Amino acid sequence: MAIYLVVRLAYETEDEVTYQFGGADHRFDRAVTIRKADYSVTVVDGRQDAMAVGAAGLAMRRHRIDGVWAKSEIRQS
């Protein structure tokens, strides 16, 4: 089974970032918020499924590598 995940930065404050995410349908109707201080994650709709975990992980991985919060990111596997 292939996974296609796209995250895009919805907004950023001094304390947190929020990313909208979606799959192949490009409906960005879900979001995760990540606290910058400790990388704690809140899934806006409360559904902590593989897509939400993947979206948060993708954003945090990019931040750890580059030191910036990416505007968008795509993962295909």
C-alpha atoms as a PDB file:
ATOM      1  CA  MET A   1       0.000   0.000   0.000  1.00  0.00           C
ATOM      2  CA  ALA A   2       1.413   3.392  -1.001  1.00  0.00           C
ATOM      3  CA  ILE A   3       1.218   6.421   1.246  1.00  0.00           C
ATOM      4  CA  TYR A   4       1.126   9.972  -0.089  1.00  0.00           C
ATOM      5  CA  LEU A   5       1.182  12.698   2.541  1.00  0.00           C
ATOM      6  CA  VAL A   6       1.426  16.457   2.070  1.00  0.00           C
ATOM      7  CA  VAL A   7       1.829  18.959   4.893  1.00  0.00           C
ATOM      8  CA  ARG A   8       1.750  22.721   4.556  1.00  0.00           C
ATOM      9  CA  LEU A   9       2.354  25.418   7.125  1.00  0.00           C
ATOM     10  CA  ALA A  10      -0.944  27.062   8.038  1.00  0.00           C
ATOM     11  CA  TYR A  11       0.427  29.520  10.585  1.00  0.00           C
ATOM     12  CA  GLU A  12       3.299  30.082  12.948  1.00  0.00           C
ATOM     13  CA  THR A  13       3.506  31.964  16.237  1.00  0.00           C
ATOM     14  CA  GLU A  14       6.395  32.475  18.610  1.00  0.00           C
ATOM     15  CA  ASP A  15       5.383  29.331  20.539  1.00  0.00           C
ATOM     16  CA  GLU A  16       3.883  26.935  18.004  1.00  0.00           C
ATOM     17  CA  VAL A  17       3.336  25.969  14.394  1.00  0.00           C
ATOM     18  CA  THR A  18       0.227  24.510  12.826  1.00  0.00           C
ATOM     19  CA  TYR A  19       0.344  22.361   9.726  1.00  0.00           C
ATOM     20  CA  GLN A  20      -2.597  21.340   7.585  1.00  0.00           C
ATOM     21  CA  PHE A  21      -2.219  17.946   5.986  1.00  0.00           C
ATOM     22  CA  GLY A  22      -3.866  15.661   3.472  1.00  0.00           C
ATOM     23  CA  GLY A  23      -3.329  12.708   1.211  1.00  0.00           C
ATOM     24  CA  ALA A  24      -3.653  12.092  -2.500  1.00  0.00           C
ATOM     25  CA  ASP A  25      -7.012  13.905  -2.582  1.00  0.00           C
ATOM     26  CA  HIS A  26      -5.262  17.195  -1.572  1.00  0.00           C
ATOM     27  CA  ARG A  27      -8.041  18.028   0.877  1.00  0.00           C
ATOM     28  CA  PHE A  28      -6.208  19.818   3.655  1.00  0.00           C
ATOM     29  CA  ASP A  29      -9.060  19.442   6.116  1.00  0.00           C
ATOM     30  CA  ARG A  30      -6.980  18.219   9.063  1.00  0.00           C
ATOM     31  CA  ALA A  31      -4.263  19.887  11.115  1.00  0.00           C
ATOM     32  CA  VAL A  32      -1.635  19.315  13.778  1.00  0.00           C
ATOM     33  CA  THR A  33      -0.170  21.908  16.122  1.00  0.00           C
ATOM     34  CA  ILE A  34       3.397  21.475  17.350  1.00  0.00           C
ATOM     35  CA  ARG A  35       4.789  23.325  20.367  1.00  0.00           C
ATOM     36  CA  LYS A  36       8.234  24.626  19.484  1.00  0.00           C
ATOM     37  CA  ALA A  37       9.652  24.288  23.009  1.00  0.00           C
ATOM     38  CA  ASP A  38       9.165  20.538  23.384  1.00  0.00           C
ATOM     39  CA  TYR A  39       7.747  19.193  20.100  1.00  0.00           C
ATOM     40  CA  SER A  40       4.499  18.192  21.802  1.00  0.00           C
ATOM     41  CA  VAL A  41       1.741  17.607  19.255  1.00  0.00           C
ATOM     42  CA  THR A  42      -1.980  18.284  19.330  1.00  0.00           C
ATOM     43  CA  VAL A  43      -4.160  16.873  16.566  1.00  0.00           C
ATOM     44  CA  VAL A  44      -6.823  19.515  16.007  1.00  0.00           C
ATOM     45  CA  ASP A  45      -9.665  17.048  15.350  1.00  0.00           C
ATOM     46  CA  GLY A  46      -8.481  14.646  18.080  1.00  0.00           C
ATOM     47  CA  ARG A  47      -7.957  11.707  15.672  1.00  0.00           C
ATOM     48  CA  GLN A  48      -4.454  10.473  16.435  1.00  0.00           C
ATOM     49  CA  ASP A  49      -4.092   8.149  13.473  1.00  0.00           C
ATOM     50  CA  ALA A  50      -1.172   7.276  11.177  1.00  0.00           C
ATOM     51  CA  MET A  51      -1.783  10.310   8.950  1.00  0.00           C
ATOM     52  CA  ALA A  52      -1.638  12.728  11.902  1.00  0.00           C
ATOM     53  CA  VAL A  53       1.480  11.094  13.346  1.00  0.00           C
ATOM     54  CA  GLY A  54       3.111  11.102   9.920  1.00  0.00           C
ATOM     55  CA  ALA A  55       2.296  14.766   9.342  1.00  0.00           C
ATOM     56  CA  ALA A  56       3.759  15.843  12.680  1.00  0.00           C
ATOM     57  CA  GLY A  57       6.813  13.649  12.177  1.00  0.00           C
ATOM     58  CA  LEU A  58       7.447  15.011   8.712  1.00  0.00           C
ATOM     59  CA  ALA A  59       7.349  18.618   9.954  1.00  0.00           C
ATOM     60  CA  MET A  60       9.491  17.930  13.021  1.00  0.00           C
ATOM     61  CA  ARG A  61      12.077  15.944  11.064  1.00  0.00           C
ATOM     62  CA  ARG A  62      12.549  18.803   8.617  1.00  0.00           C
ATOM     63  CA  HIS A  63      12.899  21.264  11.504  1.00  0.00           C
ATOM     64  CA  ARG A  64      15.524  19.110  13.217  1.00  0.00           C
ATOM     65  CA  ILE A  65      17.524  18.792   9.992  1.00  0.00           C
ATOM     66  CA  ASP A  66      17.283  22.375   8.682  1.00  0.00           C
ATOM     67  CA  GLY A  67      16.460  24.376  11.826  1.00  0.00           C
ATOM     68  CA  VAL A  68      13.459  26.027  10.174  1.00  0.00           C
ATOM     69  CA  TRP A  69       9.796  25.127   9.933  1.00  0.00           C
ATOM     70  CA  ALA A  70       9.223  24.158   6.307  1.00  0.00           C
ATOM     71  CA  LYS A  71       6.450  25.819   4.299  1.00  0.00           C
ATOM     72  CA  SER A  72       5.459  22.443   2.826  1.00  0.00           C
ATOM     73  CA  GLU A  73       6.677  18.889   2.640  1.00  0.00           C
ATOM     74  CA  ILE A  74       5.673  15.753   0.722  1.00  0.00           C
ATOM     75  CA  ARG A  75       6.258  12.120   1.606  1.00  0.00           C
ATOM     76  CA  GLN A  76       5.599   9.273  -0.795  1.00  0.00           C
ATOM     77  CA  SER A  77       6.224   5.721   0.225  1.00  0.00           C
END
